[in-house]
């Protein structure tokens, strides 16, 4: 189950934060086998969590449009239902025997509750997602785009602290302005020592050590 969850950026990063929480989460995924022509979830029904559809053939019905599709990898559906109320926007049926994993909100909380850094990460991820939905920067659809997931993950404090680059560190610690020259340093020391006194190299060094 680990290789499946790692395909989603949020859970892949969660494993970096806490392998224990990630392992616990893998164990809490609920496996359900759907038969031919069995409805996985229906349009306008209340989302109960995130569905991970395995490789297989499915049918999607949205409004009056019906389409069959075959996928060769796992996909993540109705992720929004993990963090807020969400009504399904489409009906998805299984067209063969398919393995589906379901992650419910209570299971996610159970997996991370003893790991503060994971809690902070998931909370900020959810708040960022909610903000993007409210601002209509992300569409409330069944399958979130990879760009939306990446933005929500990388917008958290935990992610940014774990990915500090040299450029970002210099941005916060760089001293603005040109470095003072020898004459400026001597003038500064002389102003401290008093007018009319010319410091020797030894006095200058001693004064610098005292001041800094």
N, C-alpha and C. Protein backbone atom coordinates (compact mmCIF):
# COMPACT_ATOMS: atom_id res chain seq x y z
N UNK A 1 0.81 -1.21 0.00
CA UNK A 1 0.00 0.00 0.00
C UNK A 1 0.85 1.26 0.00
N UNK A 2 2.07 1.14 0.55
CA UNK A 2 2.96 2.29 0.56
C UNK A 2 3.25 2.84 -0.83
N UNK A 3 3.62 1.98 -1.80
CA UNK A 3 3.89 2.49 -3.15
C UNK A 3 2.69 3.20 -3.77
N UNK A 4 1.48 2.81 -3.37
CA UNK A 4 0.28 3.47 -3.90
C UNK A 4 0.16 4.88 -3.33
N UNK A 5 0.25 5.00 -2.02
CA UNK A 5 0.11 6.31 -1.37
C UNK A 5 1.21 7.28 -1.77
N UNK A 6 2.42 6.76 -2.02
CA UNK A 6 3.54 7.64 -2.38
C UNK A 6 3.31 8.38 -3.69
N UNK A 7 2.40 7.89 -4.51
CA UNK A 7 2.12 8.54 -5.79
C UNK A 7 1.41 9.87 -5.59
N UNK A 8 0.83 10.05 -4.40
CA UNK A 8 0.18 11.32 -4.07
C UNK A 8 1.19 12.17 -3.28
N UNK A 9 1.44 13.39 -3.72
CA UNK A 9 2.50 14.20 -3.13
C UNK A 9 2.31 14.43 -1.64
N UNK A 10 1.08 14.60 -1.19
CA UNK A 10 0.84 14.86 0.23
C UNK A 10 1.33 13.69 1.07
N UNK A 11 1.00 12.48 0.66
CA UNK A 11 1.34 11.31 1.47
C UNK A 11 2.81 10.92 1.29
N UNK A 12 3.35 11.19 0.12
CA UNK A 12 4.78 10.96 -0.08
C UNK A 12 5.62 11.83 0.84
N UNK A 13 5.20 13.09 1.00
CA UNK A 13 5.92 13.98 1.90
C UNK A 13 5.67 13.61 3.35
N UNK A 14 4.47 13.14 3.65
CA UNK A 14 4.16 12.70 5.01
C UNK A 14 5.11 11.59 5.45
N UNK A 15 5.48 10.71 4.52
CA UNK A 15 6.42 9.64 4.87
C UNK A 15 7.78 10.20 5.25
N UNK A 16 8.19 11.31 4.60
CA UNK A 16 9.45 11.97 4.96
C UNK A 16 9.38 12.54 6.37
N UNK A 17 8.22 13.09 6.75
CA UNK A 17 8.07 13.69 8.07
C UNK A 17 8.07 12.61 9.15
N UNK A 18 7.26 11.59 8.93
CA UNK A 18 7.12 10.54 9.95
C UNK A 18 6.81 9.21 9.28
N UNK A 19 7.81 8.36 9.10
CA UNK A 19 7.56 7.02 8.54
C UNK A 19 6.56 6.22 9.36
N UNK A 20 6.53 6.45 10.68
CA UNK A 20 5.59 5.71 11.54
C UNK A 20 4.15 6.10 11.21
N UNK A 21 3.90 7.39 11.06
CA UNK A 21 2.54 7.83 10.73
C UNK A 21 2.13 7.32 9.36
N UNK A 22 3.07 7.31 8.41
CA UNK A 22 2.78 6.83 7.06
C UNK A 22 2.44 5.34 7.08
N UNK A 23 3.23 4.57 7.81
CA UNK A 23 2.98 3.13 7.92
C UNK A 23 1.63 2.87 8.55
N UNK A 24 1.31 3.64 9.59
CA UNK A 24 0.02 3.51 10.25
C UNK A 24 -1.11 3.82 9.28
N UNK A 25 -0.93 4.85 8.46
CA UNK A 25 -1.95 5.24 7.50
C UNK A 25 -2.18 4.13 6.47
N UNK A 26 -1.10 3.51 6.03
CA UNK A 26 -1.23 2.40 5.06
C UNK A 26 -2.09 1.29 5.63
N UNK A 27 -1.92 0.99 6.91
CA UNK A 27 -2.68 -0.06 7.55
C UNK A 27 -4.15 0.28 7.75
N UNK A 28 -4.48 1.56 7.71
CA UNK A 28 -5.86 2.00 7.93
C UNK A 28 -6.67 2.15 6.64
N UNK A 29 -6.02 1.94 5.49
CA UNK A 29 -6.76 1.97 4.23
C UNK A 29 -7.72 0.78 4.18
N UNK A 30 -8.96 1.05 3.83
CA UNK A 30 -9.97 -0.01 3.76
C UNK A 30 -10.09 -0.53 2.33
N UNK A 31 -9.83 -1.82 2.15
CA UNK A 31 -9.91 -2.43 0.82
C UNK A 31 -11.31 -2.98 0.59
N UNK A 32 -11.91 -2.57 -0.54
CA UNK A 32 -13.23 -3.07 -0.93
C UNK A 32 -13.16 -3.56 -2.37
N UNK A 33 -13.76 -4.70 -2.64
CA UNK A 33 -13.81 -5.25 -3.99
C UNK A 33 -15.19 -4.96 -4.57
N UNK A 34 -15.22 -4.27 -5.71
CA UNK A 34 -16.48 -3.96 -6.37
C UNK A 34 -16.67 -4.89 -7.57
N UNK A 35 -17.90 -5.31 -7.75
CA UNK A 35 -18.22 -6.24 -8.82
C UNK A 35 -18.60 -5.49 -10.10
N UNK A 36 -18.87 -6.26 -11.14
CA UNK A 36 -19.28 -5.70 -12.43
C UNK A 36 -20.60 -4.94 -12.28
N UNK A 37 -20.62 -3.69 -12.77
CA UNK A 37 -21.80 -2.81 -12.75
C UNK A 37 -22.21 -2.38 -11.34
N UNK A 38 -21.30 -2.46 -10.39
CA UNK A 38 -21.60 -2.00 -9.04
C UNK A 38 -21.19 -0.53 -8.89
N UNK A 39 -22.08 0.26 -8.29
CA UNK A 39 -21.81 1.69 -8.11
C UNK A 39 -20.81 1.88 -6.97
N UNK A 40 -19.75 2.64 -7.25
CA UNK A 40 -18.74 2.95 -6.22
C UNK A 40 -19.21 4.15 -5.40
N UNK A 41 -19.60 5.21 -6.08
CA UNK A 41 -20.28 6.34 -5.42
C UNK A 41 -21.17 7.02 -6.46
N UNK A 42 -22.22 7.66 -5.96
CA UNK A 42 -23.24 8.25 -6.84
C UNK A 42 -23.19 9.77 -6.77
N UNK A 43 -23.56 10.39 -7.87
CA UNK A 43 -23.61 11.85 -7.96
C UNK A 43 -24.56 12.41 -6.92
N UNK A 44 -24.15 13.50 -6.27
CA UNK A 44 -24.91 14.22 -5.24
C UNK A 44 -24.95 13.50 -3.89
N UNK A 45 -24.34 12.33 -3.79
CA UNK A 45 -24.26 11.68 -2.49
C UNK A 45 -23.13 12.31 -1.68
N UNK A 46 -23.21 12.18 -0.35
CA UNK A 46 -22.22 12.79 0.53
C UNK A 46 -20.93 11.97 0.51
N UNK A 47 -19.80 12.65 0.30
CA UNK A 47 -18.52 11.96 0.28
C UNK A 47 -18.14 11.48 1.67
N UNK A 48 -17.64 10.26 1.76
CA UNK A 48 -17.26 9.69 3.06
C UNK A 48 -15.75 9.66 3.25
N UNK A 49 -15.00 10.04 2.22
CA UNK A 49 -13.55 10.01 2.30
C UNK A 49 -12.95 9.94 0.90
N UNK A 50 -11.69 9.61 0.85
CA UNK A 50 -10.98 9.54 -0.42
C UNK A 50 -10.99 8.11 -0.96
N UNK A 51 -11.33 7.97 -2.23
CA UNK A 51 -11.32 6.67 -2.91
C UNK A 51 -10.06 6.56 -3.76
N UNK A 52 -9.40 5.44 -3.66
CA UNK A 52 -8.24 5.16 -4.51
C UNK A 52 -8.64 4.04 -5.46
N UNK A 53 -8.90 4.40 -6.71
CA UNK A 53 -9.33 3.43 -7.71
C UNK A 53 -8.11 2.73 -8.30
N UNK A 54 -8.12 1.40 -8.26
CA UNK A 54 -7.01 0.63 -8.80
C UNK A 54 -7.12 0.45 -10.31
N UNK A 55 -6.11 -0.16 -10.91
CA UNK A 55 -6.16 -0.43 -12.35
C UNK A 55 -7.41 -1.25 -12.71
N UNK A 56 -8.07 -0.86 -13.78
CA UNK A 56 -9.28 -1.57 -14.18
C UNK A 56 -10.13 -0.72 -15.11
N UNK A 57 -11.35 -1.20 -15.36
CA UNK A 57 -12.28 -0.52 -16.26
C UNK A 57 -13.47 0.00 -15.46
N UNK A 58 -13.82 1.25 -15.72
CA UNK A 58 -14.88 1.92 -14.96
C UNK A 58 -15.80 2.68 -15.91
N UNK A 59 -16.92 3.10 -15.35
CA UNK A 59 -17.85 3.95 -16.09
C UNK A 59 -18.14 5.19 -15.26
N UNK A 60 -18.09 6.35 -15.91
CA UNK A 60 -18.38 7.62 -15.24
C UNK A 60 -19.60 8.26 -15.89
N UNK A 61 -20.53 8.68 -15.08
CA UNK A 61 -21.73 9.36 -15.57
C UNK A 61 -21.83 10.72 -14.91
N UNK A 62 -21.75 11.77 -15.73
CA UNK A 62 -21.84 13.15 -15.24
C UNK A 62 -22.88 13.87 -16.06
N UNK A 63 -23.93 14.35 -15.38
CA UNK A 63 -25.09 14.93 -16.07
C UNK A 63 -25.66 13.87 -17.01
N UNK A 64 -25.71 14.15 -18.29
CA UNK A 64 -26.26 13.17 -19.25
C UNK A 64 -25.15 12.47 -20.02
N UNK A 65 -23.93 12.69 -19.66
CA UNK A 65 -22.81 12.09 -20.40
C UNK A 65 -22.31 10.85 -19.67
N UNK A 66 -22.18 9.76 -20.42
CA UNK A 66 -21.68 8.49 -19.88
C UNK A 66 -20.44 8.09 -20.67
N UNK A 67 -19.37 7.78 -19.96
CA UNK A 67 -18.14 7.38 -20.63
C UNK A 67 -17.47 6.25 -19.86
N UNK A 68 -16.93 5.30 -20.61
CA UNK A 68 -16.16 4.20 -20.03
C UNK A 68 -14.67 4.53 -20.13
N UNK A 69 -13.93 4.15 -19.11
CA UNK A 69 -12.48 4.40 -19.18
C UNK A 69 -11.74 3.27 -18.50
N UNK A 70 -10.55 3.01 -19.00
CA UNK A 70 -9.66 2.00 -18.43
C UNK A 70 -8.41 2.70 -17.95
N UNK A 71 -8.00 2.42 -16.73
CA UNK A 71 -6.77 3.02 -16.20
C UNK A 71 -5.81 1.92 -15.79
N UNK A 72 -4.52 2.26 -15.88
CA UNK A 72 -3.46 1.28 -15.63
C UNK A 72 -2.71 1.57 -14.34
N UNK A 73 -3.13 2.63 -13.67
CA UNK A 73 -2.48 3.01 -12.42
C UNK A 73 -3.56 3.44 -11.43
N UNK A 74 -3.18 3.69 -10.20
CA UNK A 74 -4.13 4.13 -9.18
C UNK A 74 -4.40 5.63 -9.32
N UNK A 75 -5.63 6.02 -9.06
CA UNK A 75 -6.02 7.43 -9.07
C UNK A 75 -6.77 7.76 -7.79
N UNK A 76 -6.72 9.05 -7.41
CA UNK A 76 -7.26 9.50 -6.12
C UNK A 76 -8.51 10.35 -6.37
N UNK A 77 -9.65 9.87 -5.84
CA UNK A 77 -10.93 10.52 -6.08
C UNK A 77 -11.51 11.07 -4.77
N UNK A 78 -12.24 12.17 -4.90
CA UNK A 78 -12.97 12.85 -3.80
C UNK A 78 -12.09 13.10 -2.59
N UNK A 79 -10.85 13.54 -2.84
CA UNK A 79 -9.94 13.88 -1.74
C UNK A 79 -10.50 14.99 -0.86
N UNK A 80 -11.28 15.89 -1.46
CA UNK A 80 -11.83 17.02 -0.71
C UNK A 80 -12.64 16.53 0.49
N UNK A 81 -13.28 15.36 0.36
CA UNK A 81 -14.13 14.83 1.43
C UNK A 81 -13.35 14.49 2.69
N UNK A 82 -12.03 14.42 2.61
CA UNK A 82 -11.22 14.18 3.79
C UNK A 82 -11.21 15.39 4.73
N UNK A 83 -11.41 16.58 4.18
CA UNK A 83 -11.19 17.80 4.95
C UNK A 83 -12.44 18.66 5.14
N UNK A 84 -13.48 18.43 4.35
CA UNK A 84 -14.67 19.28 4.43
C UNK A 84 -15.85 18.55 3.80
N UNK A 85 -17.05 19.09 3.97
CA UNK A 85 -18.23 18.49 3.36
C UNK A 85 -18.11 18.54 1.84
N UNK A 86 -18.44 17.43 1.22
CA UNK A 86 -18.27 17.35 -0.24
C UNK A 86 -19.33 16.42 -0.82
N UNK A 87 -20.07 16.91 -1.80
CA UNK A 87 -21.02 16.08 -2.53
C UNK A 87 -20.39 15.65 -3.84
N UNK A 88 -20.52 14.37 -4.13
CA UNK A 88 -19.94 13.85 -5.37
C UNK A 88 -20.54 14.55 -6.58
N UNK A 89 -19.71 14.84 -7.54
CA UNK A 89 -20.15 15.56 -8.74
C UNK A 89 -20.38 14.63 -9.92
N UNK A 90 -20.16 13.34 -9.71
CA UNK A 90 -20.32 12.36 -10.78
C UNK A 90 -20.62 11.00 -10.18
N UNK A 91 -21.12 10.09 -10.99
CA UNK A 91 -21.34 8.71 -10.58
C UNK A 91 -20.31 7.82 -11.23
N UNK A 92 -19.66 6.99 -10.44
CA UNK A 92 -18.64 6.08 -10.95
C UNK A 92 -19.03 4.65 -10.62
N UNK A 93 -19.01 3.78 -11.64
CA UNK A 93 -19.34 2.36 -11.49
C UNK A 93 -18.14 1.52 -11.88
N UNK A 94 -18.08 0.35 -11.30
CA UNK A 94 -17.06 -0.62 -11.68
C UNK A 94 -17.61 -1.49 -12.81
N UNK A 95 -16.83 -1.73 -13.85
CA UNK A 95 -17.28 -2.56 -14.97
C UNK A 95 -16.62 -3.93 -14.96
N UNK A 96 -15.96 -4.25 -13.87
CA UNK A 96 -15.36 -5.57 -13.67
C UNK A 96 -15.07 -5.69 -12.17
N UNK A 97 -14.44 -6.76 -11.76
CA UNK A 97 -14.02 -6.85 -10.37
C UNK A 97 -12.81 -5.93 -10.16
N UNK A 98 -12.99 -4.90 -9.35
CA UNK A 98 -11.92 -3.92 -9.13
C UNK A 98 -11.66 -3.74 -7.64
N UNK A 99 -10.38 -3.57 -7.30
CA UNK A 99 -9.97 -3.29 -5.92
C UNK A 99 -9.95 -1.79 -5.69
N UNK A 100 -10.69 -1.35 -4.67
CA UNK A 100 -10.76 0.07 -4.33
C UNK A 100 -10.35 0.25 -2.88
N UNK A 101 -9.44 1.19 -2.63
CA UNK A 101 -9.09 1.56 -1.25
C UNK A 101 -9.86 2.81 -0.86
N UNK A 102 -10.31 2.84 0.39
CA UNK A 102 -11.01 4.01 0.91
C UNK A 102 -10.28 4.51 2.15
N UNK A 103 -10.00 5.81 2.17
CA UNK A 103 -9.41 6.44 3.35
C UNK A 103 -10.43 7.41 3.92
N UNK A 104 -10.85 7.17 5.16
CA UNK A 104 -11.84 8.03 5.80
C UNK A 104 -11.15 9.08 6.68
N UNK A 105 -11.81 10.22 6.91
CA UNK A 105 -11.20 11.28 7.73
C UNK A 105 -10.75 10.80 9.10
N UNK A 106 -11.57 9.97 9.74
CA UNK A 106 -11.21 9.47 11.08
C UNK A 106 -9.93 8.64 11.04
N UNK A 107 -9.72 7.91 9.95
CA UNK A 107 -8.51 7.10 9.82
C UNK A 107 -7.28 7.97 9.63
N UNK A 108 -7.43 9.06 8.87
CA UNK A 108 -6.32 9.99 8.69
C UNK A 108 -5.93 10.62 10.02
N UNK A 109 -6.92 11.04 10.79
CA UNK A 109 -6.65 11.62 12.10
C UNK A 109 -5.98 10.60 13.01
N UNK A 110 -6.45 9.39 12.98
CA UNK A 110 -5.90 8.33 13.83
C UNK A 110 -4.44 8.07 13.52
N UNK A 111 -4.08 8.18 12.24
CA UNK A 111 -2.71 7.89 11.84
C UNK A 111 -1.73 8.98 12.25
N UNK A 112 -2.18 10.23 12.29
CA UNK A 112 -1.24 11.34 12.51
C UNK A 112 -1.34 11.97 13.90
N UNK A 113 -2.32 11.59 14.71
CA UNK A 113 -2.62 12.32 15.94
C UNK A 113 -1.46 12.34 16.94
N UNK A 114 -0.57 11.37 16.90
CA UNK A 114 0.56 11.35 17.82
C UNK A 114 1.83 11.93 17.21
N UNK A 115 1.69 12.60 16.06
CA UNK A 115 2.86 13.15 15.36
C UNK A 115 2.57 14.62 15.03
N UNK A 116 2.98 15.54 15.92
CA UNK A 116 2.62 16.97 15.79
C UNK A 116 3.00 17.58 14.44
N UNK A 117 4.17 17.20 13.91
CA UNK A 117 4.60 17.79 12.65
C UNK A 117 3.67 17.36 11.51
N UNK A 118 3.22 16.11 11.53
CA UNK A 118 2.26 15.64 10.54
C UNK A 118 0.93 16.36 10.69
N UNK A 119 0.50 16.56 11.93
CA UNK A 119 -0.76 17.28 12.18
C UNK A 119 -0.70 18.69 11.61
N UNK A 120 0.40 19.37 11.84
CA UNK A 120 0.58 20.72 11.32
C UNK A 120 0.56 20.74 9.80
N UNK A 121 1.24 19.78 9.20
CA UNK A 121 1.31 19.70 7.74
C UNK A 121 -0.07 19.46 7.13
N UNK A 122 -0.80 18.47 7.64
CA UNK A 122 -2.11 18.14 7.09
C UNK A 122 -3.09 19.29 7.31
N UNK A 123 -3.03 19.92 8.48
CA UNK A 123 -3.92 21.05 8.77
C UNK A 123 -3.68 22.19 7.79
N UNK A 124 -2.42 22.56 7.57
CA UNK A 124 -2.12 23.65 6.66
C UNK A 124 -2.44 23.28 5.21
N UNK A 125 -2.23 22.02 4.87
CA UNK A 125 -2.60 21.54 3.52
C UNK A 125 -4.11 21.73 3.31
N UNK A 126 -4.89 21.32 4.31
CA UNK A 126 -6.34 21.43 4.20
C UNK A 126 -6.80 22.88 4.14
N UNK A 127 -6.18 23.76 4.96
CA UNK A 127 -6.54 25.18 4.96
C UNK A 127 -6.20 25.82 3.62
N UNK A 128 -5.06 25.45 3.06
CA UNK A 128 -4.68 25.99 1.75
C UNK A 128 -5.66 25.54 0.68
N UNK A 129 -6.03 24.26 0.74
CA UNK A 129 -7.01 23.74 -0.22
C UNK A 129 -8.34 24.45 -0.08
N UNK A 130 -8.80 24.65 1.14
CA UNK A 130 -10.06 25.34 1.37
C UNK A 130 -9.99 26.78 0.85
N UNK A 131 -8.87 27.46 1.09
CA UNK A 131 -8.71 28.82 0.59
C UNK A 131 -8.74 28.88 -0.93
N UNK A 132 -8.11 27.91 -1.59
CA UNK A 132 -8.10 27.89 -3.06
C UNK A 132 -9.51 27.60 -3.60
N UNK A 133 -10.25 26.74 -2.93
CA UNK A 133 -11.63 26.46 -3.36
C UNK A 133 -12.51 27.69 -3.19
N UNK A 134 -12.37 28.38 -2.06
CA UNK A 134 -13.17 29.58 -1.82
C UNK A 134 -12.84 30.69 -2.81
N UNK A 135 -11.57 30.78 -3.19
CA UNK A 135 -11.14 31.81 -4.14
C UNK A 135 -11.33 31.37 -5.59
N UNK A 136 -11.88 30.17 -5.78
CA UNK A 136 -12.12 29.59 -7.10
C UNK A 136 -10.83 29.44 -7.90
N UNK A 137 -9.72 29.26 -7.18
CA UNK A 137 -8.45 28.96 -7.84
C UNK A 137 -8.32 27.47 -8.14
N UNK A 138 -9.10 26.67 -7.42
CA UNK A 138 -9.17 25.23 -7.66
C UNK A 138 -10.64 24.84 -7.76
N UNK A 139 -10.95 24.00 -8.74
CA UNK A 139 -12.33 23.55 -8.94
C UNK A 139 -12.62 22.38 -8.00
N UNK A 140 -13.82 22.41 -7.37
CA UNK A 140 -14.22 21.34 -6.47
C UNK A 140 -14.69 20.14 -7.29
N UNK A 141 -13.74 19.41 -7.82
CA UNK A 141 -14.05 18.26 -8.66
C UNK A 141 -13.56 16.98 -7.99
N UNK A 142 -13.94 15.85 -8.56
CA UNK A 142 -13.62 14.56 -7.95
C UNK A 142 -12.12 14.32 -7.87
N UNK A 143 -11.41 14.59 -8.94
CA UNK A 143 -9.96 14.35 -8.98
C UNK A 143 -9.25 15.70 -9.05
N UNK A 144 -8.52 16.04 -8.01
CA UNK A 144 -7.78 17.31 -8.00
C UNK A 144 -6.60 17.22 -8.96
N UNK A 145 -6.27 18.35 -9.56
CA UNK A 145 -5.14 18.38 -10.48
C UNK A 145 -3.83 18.25 -9.71
N UNK A 146 -2.81 17.75 -10.40
CA UNK A 146 -1.49 17.62 -9.77
C UNK A 146 -0.96 18.98 -9.34
N UNK A 147 -1.29 20.03 -10.09
CA UNK A 147 -0.85 21.38 -9.75
C UNK A 147 -1.47 21.86 -8.45
N UNK A 148 -2.77 21.58 -8.26
CA UNK A 148 -3.45 21.98 -7.02
C UNK A 148 -2.86 21.25 -5.82
N UNK A 149 -2.60 19.97 -5.97
CA UNK A 149 -2.02 19.18 -4.88
C UNK A 149 -0.62 19.69 -4.54
N UNK A 150 0.17 19.96 -5.56
CA UNK A 150 1.54 20.45 -5.35
C UNK A 150 1.53 21.80 -4.65
N UNK A 151 0.65 22.69 -5.06
CA UNK A 151 0.57 24.02 -4.45
C UNK A 151 0.17 23.94 -2.98
N UNK A 152 -0.80 23.09 -2.67
CA UNK A 152 -1.25 22.94 -1.28
C UNK A 152 -0.14 22.35 -0.41
N UNK A 153 0.60 21.40 -0.95
CA UNK A 153 1.67 20.76 -0.18
C UNK A 153 2.83 21.72 0.04
N UNK A 154 3.28 22.37 -1.02
CA UNK A 154 4.45 23.24 -0.93
C UNK A 154 4.14 24.55 -0.23
N UNK A 155 2.87 24.86 -0.01
CA UNK A 155 2.52 26.09 0.70
C UNK A 155 2.55 25.96 2.21
N UNK A 156 2.82 24.77 2.72
CA UNK A 156 2.84 24.56 4.17
C UNK A 156 4.20 24.95 4.75
N UNK A 157 4.19 25.35 6.03
CA UNK A 157 5.44 25.71 6.70
C UNK A 157 6.38 24.51 6.80
N UNK A 158 5.81 23.34 7.07
CA UNK A 158 6.64 22.14 7.24
C UNK A 158 7.40 21.84 5.96
N UNK A 159 6.72 21.93 4.82
CA UNK A 159 7.38 21.65 3.54
C UNK A 159 8.48 22.67 3.27
N UNK A 160 8.19 23.92 3.51
CA UNK A 160 9.17 24.97 3.20
C UNK A 160 10.40 24.86 4.09
N UNK A 161 10.22 24.50 5.36
CA UNK A 161 11.36 24.32 6.26
C UNK A 161 12.22 23.13 5.85
N UNK A 162 11.58 22.11 5.29
CA UNK A 162 12.32 20.93 4.87
C UNK A 162 13.02 21.12 3.52
N UNK A 163 12.65 22.18 2.81
CA UNK A 163 13.22 22.41 1.49
C UNK A 163 13.85 23.80 1.38
N UNK A 164 14.55 24.21 2.43
CA UNK A 164 15.26 25.49 2.38
C UNK A 164 16.42 25.39 1.41
N UNK A 165 16.43 26.23 0.43
CA UNK A 165 17.54 26.27 -0.53
C UNK A 165 18.53 27.34 -0.12
N UNK A 166 19.72 27.28 -0.68
CA UNK A 166 20.74 28.29 -0.37
C UNK A 166 20.26 29.68 -0.76
N UNK A 167 19.51 29.75 -1.87
CA UNK A 167 19.00 31.04 -2.31
C UNK A 167 18.03 31.63 -1.29
N UNK A 168 17.13 30.76 -0.72
CA UNK A 168 16.17 31.24 0.26
C UNK A 168 16.85 31.64 1.55
N UNK A 169 17.88 30.89 1.96
CA UNK A 169 18.58 31.22 3.19
C UNK A 169 19.32 32.53 3.05
N UNK A 170 19.93 32.78 1.91
CA UNK A 170 20.64 34.04 1.70
C UNK A 170 19.67 35.22 1.66
N UNK A 171 18.45 34.93 1.18
CA UNK A 171 17.47 36.00 1.09
C UNK A 171 17.14 36.57 2.47
N UNK A 172 17.19 35.73 3.48
CA UNK A 172 16.83 36.17 4.82
C UNK A 172 18.03 36.61 5.65
N UNK A 173 19.23 36.17 5.29
CA UNK A 173 20.38 36.45 6.13
C UNK A 173 21.42 37.36 5.46
N UNK A 174 21.15 37.77 4.23
CA UNK A 174 22.12 38.61 3.53
C UNK A 174 22.13 40.02 4.13
N UNK A 175 23.35 40.58 4.35
CA UNK A 175 23.50 41.94 4.86
C UNK A 175 23.43 42.90 3.69
N UNK A 176 22.49 43.80 3.74
CA UNK A 176 22.30 44.75 2.65
C UNK A 176 23.41 45.79 2.66
N UNK A 177 23.74 46.31 1.47
CA UNK A 177 24.70 47.39 1.35
C UNK A 177 26.13 46.89 1.16
N UNK A 178 27.04 47.77 0.69
CA UNK A 178 28.44 47.39 0.46
C UNK A 178 29.19 47.18 1.77
N UNK A 179 30.23 46.35 1.71
CA UNK A 179 31.06 46.13 2.89
C UNK A 179 31.89 47.39 3.17
N UNK A 180 32.06 47.79 4.44
CA UNK A 180 32.85 48.99 4.75
C UNK A 180 34.33 48.78 4.40
N UNK A 181 34.95 49.85 3.89
CA UNK A 181 36.37 49.78 3.55
C UNK A 181 37.25 50.08 4.76
N UNK A 182 38.59 50.01 4.57
CA UNK A 182 39.55 50.20 5.66
C UNK A 182 39.41 51.59 6.28
N UNK A 183 39.25 52.62 5.42
CA UNK A 183 39.15 54.00 5.92
C UNK A 183 37.90 54.19 6.76
N UNK A 184 36.79 53.57 6.34
CA UNK A 184 35.55 53.70 7.09
C UNK A 184 35.67 53.03 8.46
N UNK A 185 36.32 51.87 8.49
CA UNK A 185 36.49 51.16 9.76
C UNK A 185 37.35 51.98 10.71
N UNK A 186 38.47 52.51 10.18
CA UNK A 186 39.37 53.31 11.02
C UNK A 186 38.67 54.57 11.52
N UNK A 187 37.86 55.19 10.65
CA UNK A 187 37.14 56.39 11.05
C UNK A 187 36.16 56.09 12.16
N UNK A 188 35.52 54.91 12.06
CA UNK A 188 34.57 54.52 13.09
C UNK A 188 35.28 54.29 14.43
N UNK A 189 36.41 53.59 14.39
CA UNK A 189 37.16 53.32 15.62
C UNK A 189 37.68 54.61 16.22
N UNK A 190 38.15 55.51 15.35
CA UNK A 190 38.68 56.77 15.83
C UNK A 190 37.60 57.61 16.50
N UNK A 191 36.37 57.53 15.95
CA UNK A 191 35.29 58.27 16.58
C UNK A 191 34.97 57.73 17.97
N UNK A 192 35.23 56.43 18.16
CA UNK A 192 35.00 55.82 19.46
C UNK A 192 36.13 56.16 20.42
N UNK A 193 37.39 56.12 19.92
CA UNK A 193 38.54 56.38 20.77
C UNK A 193 38.60 57.84 21.19
N UNK A 194 38.17 58.71 20.31
CA UNK A 194 38.21 60.13 20.63
C UNK A 194 38.94 60.90 19.55
N UNK A 195 38.68 62.17 19.42
CA UNK A 195 39.30 62.99 18.38
C UNK A 195 40.81 63.10 18.59
N UNK A 196 41.51 63.14 17.45
CA UNK A 196 42.95 63.35 17.51
C UNK A 196 43.75 62.10 17.80
N UNK A 197 43.14 60.97 17.96
CA UNK A 197 43.87 59.74 18.25
C UNK A 197 43.87 58.86 17.00
N UNK A 198 45.03 58.43 16.59
CA UNK A 198 45.18 57.53 15.45
C UNK A 198 45.51 56.14 15.97
N UNK A 199 44.61 55.20 15.84
CA UNK A 199 44.84 53.87 16.42
C UNK A 199 45.90 53.09 15.65
N UNK A 200 46.74 52.39 16.39
CA UNK A 200 47.68 51.46 15.76
C UNK A 200 46.91 50.22 15.36
N UNK A 201 47.49 49.36 14.51
CA UNK A 201 46.81 48.12 14.14
C UNK A 201 46.40 47.30 15.35
N UNK A 202 47.26 47.25 16.39
CA UNK A 202 46.92 46.49 17.58
C UNK A 202 45.74 47.08 18.32
N UNK A 203 45.68 48.42 18.42
CA UNK A 203 44.57 49.07 19.08
C UNK A 203 43.27 48.88 18.29
N UNK A 204 43.41 48.96 16.97
CA UNK A 204 42.24 48.78 16.13
C UNK A 204 41.65 47.39 16.32
N UNK A 205 42.49 46.36 16.31
CA UNK A 205 42.03 45.00 16.50
C UNK A 205 41.37 44.82 17.86
N UNK A 206 42.05 45.39 18.90
CA UNK A 206 41.50 45.28 20.24
C UNK A 206 40.14 45.95 20.36
N UNK A 207 40.00 47.08 19.72
CA UNK A 207 38.74 47.81 19.77
C UNK A 207 37.64 47.06 19.01
N UNK A 208 38.02 46.45 17.87
CA UNK A 208 37.05 45.66 17.12
C UNK A 208 36.55 44.47 17.92
N UNK A 209 37.48 43.77 18.62
CA UNK A 209 37.10 42.64 19.45
C UNK A 209 36.16 43.06 20.58
N UNK A 210 36.44 44.30 21.13
CA UNK A 210 35.60 44.77 22.21
C UNK A 210 34.20 45.12 21.72
N UNK A 211 34.12 45.69 20.52
CA UNK A 211 32.84 46.17 20.01
C UNK A 211 31.99 45.03 19.43
N UNK A 212 32.66 44.03 18.83
CA UNK A 212 31.91 42.99 18.13
C UNK A 212 32.07 41.62 18.75
